[in-house]
């Protein structure tokens, strides 16, 4: 029996996950939301809740036999739960910066608000090869949102509804990459990856190409400790082990 514990500490999230032979036993997570006008204090936030998360972890797992503890880079381990996929195009989605809550994730909150939207707002649609310039769209929304909202021309829900049409741009470049690489599999990871509308649109494209889509929900898309532990378990099984005295953390 191999028991692995993984710690996730990102900009505003702290998570601890425990896996036994590939089975997730517990995976608690907490998101820190800064008070209005204050700067994010990651260290004080995470240090104040880590012990509580460890207690929350152990109780449902019924085990404290932590045989392995590995720390990995976030972008490397994002796709670890999908490593059994033979040759996939990994779609790692970062959310657009917005005023929408980051708890539990912007993608999830945009999705929920978009479900209530009824009016489509025209947004710039620009795709050049594999390049998708989101900055222009963000600038457009920032300039137009105040006027549209203050004059009652649309609601925040309408903006979220319209924003999700940008997924069409992402689906387009994903399909182009699949054709170029000869891939028949797409793996969606990252916080916005739990957006069901994105999964639906990507699924339609894959179905039309006779391809497969691999996606999951907010438990494993959003920053969490289980994906860290999963990566450690896979590395341990392959014989890649780093002694604790030889390990290090690169803080950015």
Foldseek 3Di string as FASTA:
>chain_A
DAKAKFWFQDQFKTWIWIDDPRHTQDWDMDGDDDDPPDDRDRVVVCVVCVVVNVVVHCVRNVDDCHPDYDDDDPVVLQCLVVVVDDDADEAADDDDDDPDDCVVHPLVRLLVLLVVADDADDFDFDDDQLDGPCVRRVVVCVVCVVVCVVVVVGHPSNVSNNVVVNLVNVLVNRVVVCVVVVAQEYEYAAQNQQRVVSVVVNCVSSVVVVGYYHGDHNSSRGTIGVSRRSVVVVCVVVVNDDDPVRDDDDDD
